[in-house]
C-alpha atoms as a PDB file:
ATOM      1  CA  UNK A   1     -11.523  13.317 -12.592  1.00  0.00           C
ATOM      2  CA  UNK A   2     -14.301  11.448 -11.045  1.00  0.00           C
ATOM      3  CA  UNK A   3     -13.440  10.791  -7.458  1.00  0.00           C
ATOM      4  CA  UNK A   4     -14.883   6.974  -7.440  1.00  0.00           C
ATOM      5  CA  UNK A   5     -13.113   6.782 -10.882  1.00  0.00           C
ATOM      6  CA  UNK A   6      -9.724   7.764  -9.600  1.00  0.00           C
ATOM      7  CA  UNK A   7     -10.641   5.090  -6.551  1.00  0.00           C
ATOM      8  CA  UNK A   8     -11.405   2.415  -9.022  1.00  0.00           C
ATOM      9  CA  UNK A   9      -8.526   3.008 -11.000  1.00  0.00           C
ATOM     10  CA  UNK A  10      -6.588   3.580  -8.265  1.00  0.00           C
ATOM     11  CA  UNK A  11      -7.960  -0.335  -6.857  1.00  0.00           C
ATOM     12  CA  UNK A  12      -7.265  -1.546 -10.087  1.00  0.00           C
ATOM     13  CA  UNK A  13      -3.512  -0.666 -10.792  1.00  0.00           C
ATOM     14  CA  UNK A  14      -2.625  -1.589  -6.951  1.00  0.00           C
ATOM     15  CA  UNK A  15      -4.677  -5.098  -7.608  1.00  0.00           C
ATOM     16  CA  UNK A  16      -3.122  -5.841 -10.913  1.00  0.00           C
ATOM     17  CA  UNK A  17       0.662  -5.565  -8.956  1.00  0.00           C
ATOM     18  CA  UNK A  18       0.471  -8.148  -6.906  1.00  0.00           C
ATOM     19  CA  UNK A  19       1.433 -10.586  -9.505  1.00  0.00           C
ATOM     20  CA  UNK A  20       4.367  -9.032 -11.224  1.00  0.00           C
ATOM     21  CA  UNK A  21       5.510  -8.123  -7.651  1.00  0.00           C
ATOM     22  CA  UNK A  22       5.771 -11.854  -6.836  1.00  0.00           C
ATOM     23  CA  UNK A  23       7.728 -13.032  -9.884  1.00  0.00           C
ATOM     24  CA  UNK A  24      10.305  -9.898  -9.511  1.00  0.00           C
ATOM     25  CA  UNK A  25      11.231 -10.650  -6.384  1.00  0.00           C
ATOM     26  CA  UNK A  26      11.697 -14.238  -7.824  1.00  0.00           C
ATOM     27  CA  UNK A  27      15.000 -12.172  -9.493  1.00  0.00           C
ATOM     28  CA  UNK A  28      15.918 -10.201  -7.018  1.00  0.00           C
ATOM     29  CA  UNK A  29      15.870  -9.954  -3.296  1.00  0.00           C
ATOM     30  CA  UNK A  30      12.372  -8.430  -2.528  1.00  0.00           C
ATOM     31  CA  UNK A  31      13.501  -4.930  -0.090  1.00  0.00           C
ATOM     32  CA  UNK A  32      16.472  -4.476  -2.340  1.00  0.00           C
ATOM     33  CA  UNK A  33      13.442  -4.533  -5.411  1.00  0.00           C
ATOM     34  CA  UNK A  34      11.055  -1.593  -3.417  1.00  0.00           C
ATOM     35  CA  UNK A  35      14.525   0.126  -3.282  1.00  0.00           C
ATOM     36  CA  UNK A  36      15.049   0.350  -6.694  1.00  0.00           C
ATOM     37  CA  UNK A  37      10.926   0.725  -7.023  1.00  0.00           C
ATOM     38  CA  UNK A  38      10.977   3.874  -5.296  1.00  0.00           C
ATOM     39  CA  UNK A  39      14.644   5.492  -6.222  1.00  0.00           C
ATOM     40  CA  UNK A  40      13.303   4.920 -10.350  1.00  0.00           C
ATOM     41  CA  UNK A  41       9.788   6.447  -9.317  1.00  0.00           C
ATOM     42  CA  UNK A  42      11.564   9.650  -7.783  1.00  0.00           C
ATOM     43  CA  UNK A  43      13.240  10.178 -10.932  1.00  0.00           C
ATOM     44  CA  UNK A  44      10.083   9.636 -13.061  1.00  0.00           C
ATOM     45  CA  UNK A  45       8.136  11.689 -10.495  1.00  0.00           C
ATOM     46  CA  UNK A  46      10.967  14.781 -10.874  1.00  0.00           C
ATOM     47  CA  UNK A  47      10.519  14.359 -14.212  1.00  0.00           C
ATOM     48  CA  UNK A  48       7.353  15.358 -14.629  1.00  0.00           C
ATOM     49  CA  UNK A  49       7.448  17.998 -11.834  1.00  0.00           C
ATOM     50  CA  UNK A  50      10.118  19.658 -13.946  1.00  0.00           C
ATOM     51  CA  UNK A  51       7.977  19.435 -16.957  1.00  0.00           C
ATOM     52  CA  UNK A  52       4.727  20.842 -15.336  1.00  0.00           C
ATOM     53  CA  UNK A  53       6.992  23.698 -14.227  1.00  0.00           C
ATOM     54  CA  UNK A  54       6.235  23.040 -10.372  1.00  0.00           C
ATOM     55  CA  UNK A  55       8.041  24.062  -7.447  1.00  0.00           C
ATOM     56  CA  UNK A  56       9.733  21.200  -4.882  1.00  0.00           C
ATOM     57  CA  UNK A  57      10.062  23.904  -2.002  1.00  0.00           C
ATOM     58  CA  UNK A  58       8.044  22.925   1.098  1.00  0.00           C
ATOM     59  CA  UNK A  59       7.126  25.437   4.137  1.00  0.00           C
ATOM     60  CA  UNK A  60       7.121  22.254   6.178  1.00  0.00           C
ATOM     61  CA  UNK A  61      10.048  19.887   5.249  1.00  0.00           C
ATOM     62  CA  UNK A  62      10.122  18.030   8.657  1.00  0.00           C
ATOM     63  CA  UNK A  63       6.830  17.073   8.306  1.00  0.00           C
ATOM     64  CA  UNK A  64       7.360  15.603   4.451  1.00  0.00           C
ATOM     65  CA  UNK A  65      10.654  13.583   6.264  1.00  0.00           C
ATOM     66  CA  UNK A  66       8.098  11.947   9.324  1.00  0.00           C
ATOM     67  CA  UNK A  67       5.738  10.865   6.397  1.00  0.00           C
ATOM     68  CA  UNK A  68       8.507   9.889   3.760  1.00  0.00           C
ATOM     69  CA  UNK A  69       9.800   7.261   6.802  1.00  0.00           C
ATOM     70  CA  UNK A  70       6.776   6.475   7.967  1.00  0.00           C
ATOM     71  CA  UNK A  71       4.687   5.445   4.558  1.00  0.00           C
ATOM     72  CA  UNK A  72       7.733   3.919   2.315  1.00  0.00           C
ATOM     73  CA  UNK A  73      10.736   3.413   4.798  1.00  0.00           C
ATOM     74  CA  UNK A  74       8.952   2.233   7.638  1.00  0.00           C
ATOM     75  CA  UNK A  75       5.733   0.366   6.046  1.00  0.00           C
ATOM     76  CA  UNK A  76       8.284  -1.427   3.622  1.00  0.00           C
ATOM     77  CA  UNK A  77      11.018  -2.361   5.687  1.00  0.00           C
ATOM     78  CA  UNK A  78       8.182  -3.998   8.204  1.00  0.00           C
ATOM     79  CA  UNK A  79       6.258  -5.821   5.754  1.00  0.00           C
ATOM     80  CA  UNK A  80       9.052  -7.358   3.484  1.00  0.00           C
ATOM     81  CA  UNK A  81      11.056  -8.401   6.580  1.00  0.00           C
ATOM     82  CA  UNK A  82       7.269 -10.050   8.424  1.00  0.00           C
ATOM     83  CA  UNK A  83       6.724 -12.000   5.252  1.00  0.00           C
ATOM     84  CA  UNK A  84       9.502 -13.417   5.358  1.00  0.00           C
ATOM     85  CA  UNK A  85       9.007 -14.898   8.300  1.00  0.00           C
ATOM     86  CA  UNK A  86       5.691 -15.321   8.635  1.00  0.00           C
ATOM     87  CA  UNK A  87       2.613 -16.916   6.712  1.00  0.00           C
ATOM     88  CA  UNK A  88       2.042 -15.034   3.549  1.00  0.00           C
ATOM     89  CA  UNK A  89      -1.413 -15.539   3.590  1.00  0.00           C
ATOM     90  CA  UNK A  90      -1.854 -14.187   7.426  1.00  0.00           C
ATOM     91  CA  UNK A  91       0.611 -11.777   6.619  1.00  0.00           C
ATOM     92  CA  UNK A  92      -1.660 -10.486   3.540  1.00  0.00           C
ATOM     93  CA  UNK A  93      -5.162 -10.935   5.996  1.00  0.00           C
ATOM     94  CA  UNK A  94      -3.116  -8.862   8.938  1.00  0.00           C
ATOM     95  CA  UNK A  95      -2.168  -5.936   6.065  1.00  0.00           C
ATOM     96  CA  UNK A  96      -5.664  -5.734   4.523  1.00  0.00           C
ATOM     97  CA  UNK A  97      -7.634  -6.111   7.439  1.00  0.00           C
ATOM     98  CA  UNK A  98      -5.725  -3.847   9.566  1.00  0.00           C
ATOM     99  CA  UNK A  99      -5.506  -0.835   6.896  1.00  0.00           C
ATOM    100  CA  UNK A 100      -8.850   0.745   7.335  1.00  0.00           C
ATOM    101  CA  UNK A 101      -8.942   0.287  11.404  1.00  0.00           C
ATOM    102  CA  UNK A 102      -5.687   1.863  11.563  1.00  0.00           C
ATOM    103  CA  UNK A 103      -6.876   4.646   9.253  1.00  0.00           C
ATOM    104  CA  UNK A 104     -10.050   5.286  10.796  1.00  0.00           C
ATOM    105  CA  UNK A 105      -8.568   4.837  14.496  1.00  0.00           C
ATOM    106  CA  UNK A 106      -5.344   7.134  14.062  1.00  0.00           C
ATOM    107  CA  UNK A 107      -7.760   9.404  12.040  1.00  0.00           C
ATOM    108  CA  UNK A 108      -9.869  10.079  14.205  1.00  0.00           C
ATOM    109  CA  UNK A 109      -6.433  10.829  17.213  1.00  0.00           C
ATOM    110  CA  UNK A 110      -5.611  13.574  14.710  1.00  0.00           C
ATOM    111  CA  UNK A 111      -9.584  14.746  14.444  1.00  0.00           C
ATOM    112  CA  UNK A 112      -9.314  13.731  10.512  1.00  0.00           C
ATOM    113  CA  UNK A 113     -11.635  11.147  10.867  1.00  0.00           C
ATOM    114  CA  UNK A 114     -15.053  10.230  12.367  1.00  0.00           C
ATOM    115  CA  UNK A 115     -16.322   7.109  13.222  1.00  0.00           C
ATOM    116  CA  UNK A 116     -19.629   6.516  12.490  1.00  0.00           C
ATOM    117  CA  UNK A 117     -21.679   3.265  12.963  1.00  0.00           C
ATOM    118  CA  UNK A 118     -21.484   2.840   9.338  1.00  0.00           C
ATOM    119  CA  UNK A 119     -17.695   2.763   8.864  1.00  0.00           C
ATOM    120  CA  UNK A 120     -17.325   0.749  12.166  1.00  0.00           C
ATOM    121  CA  UNK A 121     -20.245  -1.603  10.190  1.00  0.00           C
ATOM    122  CA  UNK A 122     -17.906  -1.292   6.835  1.00  0.00           C
ATOM    123  CA  UNK A 123     -15.110  -2.567   8.852  1.00  0.00           C
ATOM    124  CA  UNK A 124     -16.508  -5.462   9.870  1.00  0.00           C
ATOM    125  CA  UNK A 125     -17.735  -6.489   6.765  1.00  0.00           C
ATOM    126  CA  UNK A 126     -14.313  -6.201   5.305  1.00  0.00           C
ATOM    127  CA  UNK A 127     -12.427  -7.806   7.587  1.00  0.00           C
ATOM    128  CA  UNK A 128     -14.734 -10.999   8.072  1.00  0.00           C
ATOM    129  CA  UNK A 129     -15.033 -10.257   3.849  1.00  0.00           C
ATOM    130  CA  UNK A 130     -10.962 -10.960   4.033  1.00  0.00           C
ATOM    131  CA  UNK A 131     -11.109 -13.451   5.848  1.00  0.00           C
ATOM    132  CA  UNK A 132     -12.705 -16.043   3.833  1.00  0.00           C
ATOM    133  CA  UNK A 133     -11.268 -14.674   0.876  1.00  0.00           C
ATOM    134  CA  UNK A 134      -7.469 -15.620   1.734  1.00  0.00           C
ATOM    135  CA  UNK A 135      -8.520 -18.746   4.411  1.00  0.00           C
ATOM    136  CA  UNK A 136      -7.953 -21.223   1.438  1.00  0.00           C
ATOM    137  CA  UNK A 137      -4.730 -20.334   0.769  1.00  0.00           C
ATOM    138  CA  UNK A 138      -3.253 -19.638   4.383  1.00  0.00           C
ATOM    139  CA  UNK A 139      -2.509 -23.157   5.297  1.00  0.00           C
ATOM    140  CA  UNK A 140      -1.495 -23.850   9.200  1.00  0.00           C
ATOM    141  CA  UNK A 141       0.041 -21.412  10.833  1.00  0.00           C
ATOM    142  CA  UNK A 142       3.686 -21.799  11.947  1.00  0.00           C
ATOM    143  CA  UNK A 143       3.262 -21.718  15.987  1.00  0.00           C
ATOM    144  CA  UNK A 144       6.893 -20.611  16.649  1.00  0.00           C
ATOM    145  CA  UNK A 145       7.992 -17.155  17.862  1.00  0.00           C
ATOM    146  CA  UNK A 146       9.857 -16.263  14.489  1.00  0.00           C
ATOM    147  CA  UNK A 147       6.480 -16.175  12.925  1.00  0.00           C
ATOM    148  CA  UNK A 148       4.261 -14.098  15.941  1.00  0.00           C
ATOM    149  CA  UNK A 149       7.720 -11.899  15.422  1.00  0.00           C
ATOM    150  CA  UNK A 150       7.179 -11.702  11.995  1.00  0.00           C
ATOM    151  CA  UNK A 151       3.091 -11.002  12.016  1.00  0.00           C
ATOM    152  CA  UNK A 152       3.300  -8.396  14.284  1.00  0.00           C
ATOM    153  CA  UNK A 153       6.216  -6.460  12.146  1.00  0.00           C
ATOM    154  CA  UNK A 154       3.419  -6.771   9.392  1.00  0.00           C
ATOM    155  CA  UNK A 155       0.856  -5.125  11.435  1.00  0.00           C
ATOM    156  CA  UNK A 156       4.134  -2.335  13.189  1.00  0.00           C
ATOM    157  CA  UNK A 157       4.499  -1.701   8.915  1.00  0.00           C
ATOM    158  CA  UNK A 158       0.731  -1.509   8.347  1.00  0.00           C
ATOM    159  CA  UNK A 159       0.312   0.621  11.211  1.00  0.00           C
ATOM    160  CA  UNK A 160       3.204   2.903   9.320  1.00  0.00           C
ATOM    161  CA  UNK A 161       1.380   3.601   6.489  1.00  0.00           C
ATOM    162  CA  UNK A 162      -1.880   4.261   7.624  1.00  0.00           C
ATOM    163  CA  UNK A 163       0.219   7.033  10.261  1.00  0.00           C
ATOM    164  CA  UNK A 164       2.250   8.140   7.492  1.00  0.00           C
ATOM    165  CA  UNK A 165      -1.146   9.003   5.313  1.00  0.00           C
ATOM    166  CA  UNK A 166      -2.862  10.665   7.836  1.00  0.00           C
ATOM    167  CA  UNK A 167       0.334  13.042   8.686  1.00  0.00           C
ATOM    168  CA  UNK A 168       0.864  13.877   4.700  1.00  0.00           C
ATOM    169  CA  UNK A 169      -2.949  15.172   4.592  1.00  0.00           C
ATOM    170  CA  UNK A 170      -2.239  18.358   5.731  1.00  0.00           C
ATOM    171  CA  UNK A 171       1.100  18.857   3.561  1.00  0.00           C
ATOM    172  CA  UNK A 172      -1.535  18.425   0.541  1.00  0.00           C
ATOM    173  CA  UNK A 173      -2.991  21.886   1.453  1.00  0.00           C
ATOM    174  CA  UNK A 174       0.401  23.392   0.563  1.00  0.00           C
ATOM    175  CA  UNK A 175       1.833  21.787  -2.307  1.00  0.00           C
ATOM    176  CA  UNK A 176       0.459  19.220  -5.317  1.00  0.00           C
ATOM    177  CA  UNK A 177       0.715  16.030  -4.563  1.00  0.00           C
ATOM    178  CA  UNK A 178       2.921  14.985  -7.156  1.00  0.00           C
ATOM    179  CA  UNK A 179       5.057  16.893  -6.040  1.00  0.00           C
ATOM    180  CA  UNK A 180       4.521  15.123  -1.659  1.00  0.00           C
ATOM    181  CA  UNK A 181       4.893  11.858  -3.937  1.00  0.00           C
ATOM    182  CA  UNK A 182       8.228  13.014  -5.132  1.00  0.00           C
ATOM    183  CA  UNK A 183       9.711  13.654  -1.612  1.00  0.00           C
ATOM    184  CA  UNK A 184       7.911  10.727   0.192  1.00  0.00           C
ATOM    185  CA  UNK A 185       9.056   8.345  -2.470  1.00  0.00           C
ATOM    186  CA  UNK A 186      12.767   9.663  -2.733  1.00  0.00           C
ATOM    187  CA  UNK A 187      13.051  10.026   0.883  1.00  0.00           C
ATOM    188  CA  UNK A 188      11.850   6.720   2.055  1.00  0.00           C
ATOM    189  CA  UNK A 189      13.794   4.965  -0.792  1.00  0.00           C
ATOM    190  CA  UNK A 190      16.978   6.926   0.971  1.00  0.00           C
ATOM    191  CA  UNK A 191      15.386   5.139   4.197  1.00  0.00           C
ATOM    192  CA  UNK A 192      15.090   1.616   2.637  1.00  0.00           C
ATOM    193  CA  UNK A 193      18.442   1.480   1.413  1.00  0.00           C
ATOM    194  CA  UNK A 194      20.423   1.025   5.017  1.00  0.00           C
ATOM    195  CA  UNK A 195      17.323  -1.660   5.735  1.00  0.00           C
ATOM    196  CA  UNK A 196      18.065  -3.496   2.551  1.00  0.00           C
ATOM    197  CA  UNK A 197      21.649  -3.812   3.319  1.00  0.00           C
ATOM    198  CA  UNK A 198      20.961  -4.727   6.836  1.00  0.00           C
ATOM    199  CA  UNK A 199      18.916  -7.247   6.477  1.00  0.00           C
ATOM    200  CA  UNK A 200      19.666  -8.478   3.033  1.00  0.00           C
ATOM    201  CA  UNK A 201      23.578  -7.611   2.328  1.00  0.00           C
ATOM    202  CA  UNK A 202      25.035  -6.174  -0.536  1.00  0.00           C
ATOM    203  CA  UNK A 203      25.861  -8.538  -3.661  1.00  0.00           C
ATOM    204  CA  UNK A 204      26.784  -6.536  -6.742  1.00  0.00           C
ATOM    205  CA  UNK A 205      25.502  -9.162  -8.975  1.00  0.00           C
ATOM    206  CA  UNK A 206      21.277  -7.799  -7.934  1.00  0.00           C
ATOM    207  CA  UNK A 207      22.120  -4.970 -10.015  1.00  0.00           C
ATOM    208  CA  UNK A 208      22.696  -7.278 -13.000  1.00  0.00           C
ATOM    209  CA  UNK A 209      19.661  -9.443 -12.163  1.00  0.00           C
ATOM    210  CA  UNK A 210      16.878  -6.624 -12.686  1.00  0.00           C
ATOM    211  CA  UNK A 211      17.664  -7.437 -16.344  1.00  0.00           C
ATOM    212  CA  UNK A 212      15.983 -10.117 -15.455  1.00  0.00           C
ATOM    213  CA  UNK A 213      12.645 -10.363 -17.493  1.00  0.00           C
ATOM    214  CA  UNK A 214      10.597 -11.087 -14.234  1.00  0.00           C
ATOM    215  CA  UNK A 215      12.001  -7.996 -12.400  1.00  0.00           C
ATOM    216  CA  UNK A 216      11.970  -5.997 -15.739  1.00  0.00           C
ATOM    217  CA  UNK A 217       8.124  -6.558 -16.034  1.00  0.00           C
ATOM    218  CA  UNK A 218       7.522  -6.040 -12.304  1.00  0.00           C
ATOM    219  CA  UNK A 219       9.630  -2.879 -11.907  1.00  0.00           C
ATOM    220  CA  UNK A 220       7.384  -1.269 -15.037  1.00  0.00           C
ATOM    221  CA  UNK A 221       4.233  -2.719 -12.758  1.00  0.00           C
ATOM    222  CA  UNK A 222       5.610  -1.012 -10.333  1.00  0.00           C
ATOM    223  CA  UNK A 223       6.628   1.850 -10.765  1.00  0.00           C
ATOM    224  CA  UNK A 224       4.711   3.282 -13.504  1.00  0.00           C
ATOM    225  CA  UNK A 225       1.224   1.510 -12.105  1.00  0.00           C
ATOM    226  CA  UNK A 226       1.926   1.332  -8.440  1.00  0.00           C
ATOM    227  CA  UNK A 227       3.915   4.930  -7.887  1.00  0.00           C
ATOM    228  CA  UNK A 228       3.148   6.968 -10.734  1.00  0.00           C
ATOM    229  CA  UNK A 229      -0.068   6.439 -10.944  1.00  0.00           C
ATOM    230  CA  UNK A 230      -2.046   4.564  -8.119  1.00  0.00           C
ATOM    231  CA  UNK A 231       0.128   6.196  -5.269  1.00  0.00           C
ATOM    232  CA  UNK A 232      -0.580   9.737  -6.581  1.00  0.00           C
ATOM    233  CA  UNK A 233      -4.599   8.920  -7.224  1.00  0.00           C
ATOM    234  CA  UNK A 234      -3.908   7.762  -3.462  1.00  0.00           C
ATOM    235  CA  UNK A 235      -2.497  11.255  -1.769  1.00  0.00           C
ATOM    236  CA  UNK A 236      -5.109  13.259  -3.823  1.00  0.00           C
ATOM    237  CA  UNK A 237      -7.736  11.188  -2.677  1.00  0.00           C
ATOM    238  CA  UNK A 238      -6.616  11.895   0.670  1.00  0.00           C
ATOM    239  CA  UNK A 239      -6.848  14.825   0.661  1.00  0.00           C
ATOM    240  CA  UNK A 240     -10.356  14.735  -1.155  1.00  0.00           C
ATOM    241  CA  UNK A 241     -11.830  12.572   0.708  1.00  0.00           C
ATOM    242  CA  UNK A 242      -9.750  11.349   3.910  1.00  0.00           C
ATOM    243  CA  UNK A 243      -6.967   8.784   4.391  1.00  0.00           C
ATOM    244  CA  UNK A 244     -10.056   5.753   6.036  1.00  0.00           C
ATOM    245  CA  UNK A 245     -11.740   6.874   2.801  1.00  0.00           C
ATOM    246  CA  UNK A 246      -9.089   6.176   0.556  1.00  0.00           C
ATOM    247  CA  UNK A 247      -8.181   3.447   2.409  1.00  0.00           C
ATOM    248  CA  UNK A 248     -10.616   1.222   1.360  1.00  0.00           C
ATOM    249  CA  UNK A 249      -8.295   0.069  -1.688  1.00  0.00           C
ATOM    250  CA  UNK A 250      -7.253  -2.552   0.895  1.00  0.00           C
ATOM    251  CA  UNK A 251     -10.986  -3.932   0.250  1.00  0.00           C
ATOM    252  CA  UNK A 252     -11.412  -3.830  -3.579  1.00  0.00           C
ATOM    253  CA  UNK A 253      -7.415  -4.632  -4.800  1.00  0.00           C
ATOM    254  CA  UNK A 254      -7.282  -8.166  -3.045  1.00  0.00           C
ATOM    255  CA  UNK A 255     -10.266  -8.879  -5.532  1.00  0.00           C
ATOM    256  CA  UNK A 256      -8.528  -7.982  -8.428  1.00  0.00           C
ATOM    257  CA  UNK A 257      -5.376  -9.429  -7.379  1.00  0.00           C
ATOM    258  CA  UNK A 258      -7.597 -12.734  -6.898  1.00  0.00           C
ATOM    259  CA  UNK A 259      -8.641 -12.393 -10.369  1.00  0.00           C
ATOM    260  CA  UNK A 260      -5.943 -12.060 -11.722  1.00  0.00           C
ATOM    261  CA  UNK A 261      -4.241 -15.099 -10.355  1.00  0.00           C
ATOM    262  CA  UNK A 262      -6.943 -17.476 -11.323  1.00  0.00           C
ATOM    263  CA  UNK A 263      -7.219 -16.491 -14.600  1.00  0.00           C
ATOM    264  CA  UNK A 264      -3.013 -15.996 -15.362  1.00  0.00           C
ATOM    265  CA  UNK A 265      -1.921 -18.165 -12.242  1.00  0.00           C
ATOM    266  CA  UNK A 266      -4.410 -20.958 -12.597  1.00  0.00           C
ATOM    267  CA  UNK A 267      -4.537 -20.011  -8.226  1.00  0.00           C
ATOM    268  CA  UNK A 268      -7.849 -22.137  -6.998  1.00  0.00           C
ATOM    269  CA  UNK A 269     -11.255 -20.450  -6.944  1.00  0.00           C
ATOM    270  CA  UNK A 270     -14.442 -21.488  -5.174  1.00  0.00           C
ATOM    271  CA  UNK A 271     -17.524 -20.251  -3.127  1.00  0.00           C
ATOM    272  CA  UNK A 272     -15.307 -19.142  -0.047  1.00  0.00           C
ATOM    273  CA  UNK A 273     -13.310 -17.081  -2.488  1.00  0.00           C
ATOM    274  CA  UNK A 274     -16.439 -15.769  -4.425  1.00  0.00           C
ATOM    275  CA  UNK A 275     -18.488 -14.764  -0.516  1.00  0.00           C
ATOM    276  CA  UNK A 276     -14.971 -12.876   0.755  1.00  0.00           C
ATOM    277  CA  UNK A 277     -14.857 -10.596  -2.396  1.00  0.00           C
ATOM    278  CA  UNK A 278     -18.250  -9.707  -2.445  1.00  0.00           C
ATOM    279  CA  UNK A 279     -18.694  -9.058   1.261  1.00  0.00           C
ATOM    280  CA  UNK A 280     -15.535  -6.873   0.613  1.00  0.00           C
ATOM    281  CA  UNK A 281     -17.140  -4.945  -1.823  1.00  0.00           C
ATOM    282  CA  UNK A 282     -20.018  -4.520  -0.001  1.00  0.00           C
ATOM    283  CA  UNK A 283     -18.063  -3.190   2.310  1.00  0.00           C
ATOM    284  CA  UNK A 284     -16.630  -0.593   0.060  1.00  0.00           C
ATOM    285  CA  UNK A 285     -20.022   0.465  -1.354  1.00  0.00           C
ATOM    286  CA  UNK A 286     -21.022   0.854   1.799  1.00  0.00           C
ATOM    287  CA  UNK A 287     -18.277   3.655   3.462  1.00  0.00           C
ATOM    288  CA  UNK A 288     -18.647   5.079  -0.774  1.00  0.00           C
ATOM    289  CA  UNK A 289     -22.100   5.811   0.168  1.00  0.00           C
ATOM    290  CA  UNK A 290     -21.661   7.318   3.368  1.00  0.00           C
ATOM    291  CA  UNK A 291     -21.812  11.253   3.779  1.00  0.00           C
ATOM    292  CA  UNK A 292     -18.594  13.243   3.369  1.00  0.00           C
ATOM    293  CA  UNK A 293     -17.384  13.985   6.838  1.00  0.00           C
ATOM    294  CA  UNK A 294     -16.715  17.770   7.980  1.00  0.00           C
ATOM    295  CA  UNK A 295     -12.988  16.680   9.191  1.00  0.00           C
ATOM    296  CA  UNK A 296     -10.173  19.140  10.688  1.00  0.00           C
ATOM    297  CA  UNK A 297      -7.831  19.948   8.451  1.00  0.00           C
END
């Protein structure tokens, strides 16, 4: 598959998951929902791997565990906890604006990325676009310690995902992306289980609530689209492009999410949103058009 086409498909899918995720979270607690999502995705990844006859063994299982805990457990545990205490609009800005920045900085430390002037410009443009896109949706921020801790958790969760992406890249030189996706999804789900129990407690009625139409639609989109589709493409692009360029979906997916919200949820849309979307797409085009860096493997 053409790299830019694969990137476009990935960004489209992850942009389309926001509304179904919100609907599903109204039926079941969000961290419990994430745990179920990743367990289901792990099972489906396993089936695909067996059908294709791929080996599950990995010579660097310790690194796989670290990447899984960073990408799935660390990111989603912190992210969902943080959103519960901080304004959702500000949380979105923190998460999406920091993603390419953390990918570039951590990738630079691991000698997988080079911070060029073009990339620095793309990061700045993308951050401005995100602020414009969500500025009309944030409302007044809560000036409290809980909100500050919540936003700090979102930032840490974003760093955890970026760090895990950097750690994952060398793994894909020794195993197919779908095998790595299976391990990172399954191990991450195992790690999320105690997080859900600790934060949300245990309620057996939640399993019955999974039959709710909102939960079924949300899990279908998240598992089949978000995990099996987009996450597999993401890992492949991390190997081919590096984590920074693959992570530029953070500038594209929000544009799609806003468009879906306007069309299906009748959310407001004005010049501020239009300017933000245009700037973010320009930032992505600027970085994708740059020559591919030669990086350490």
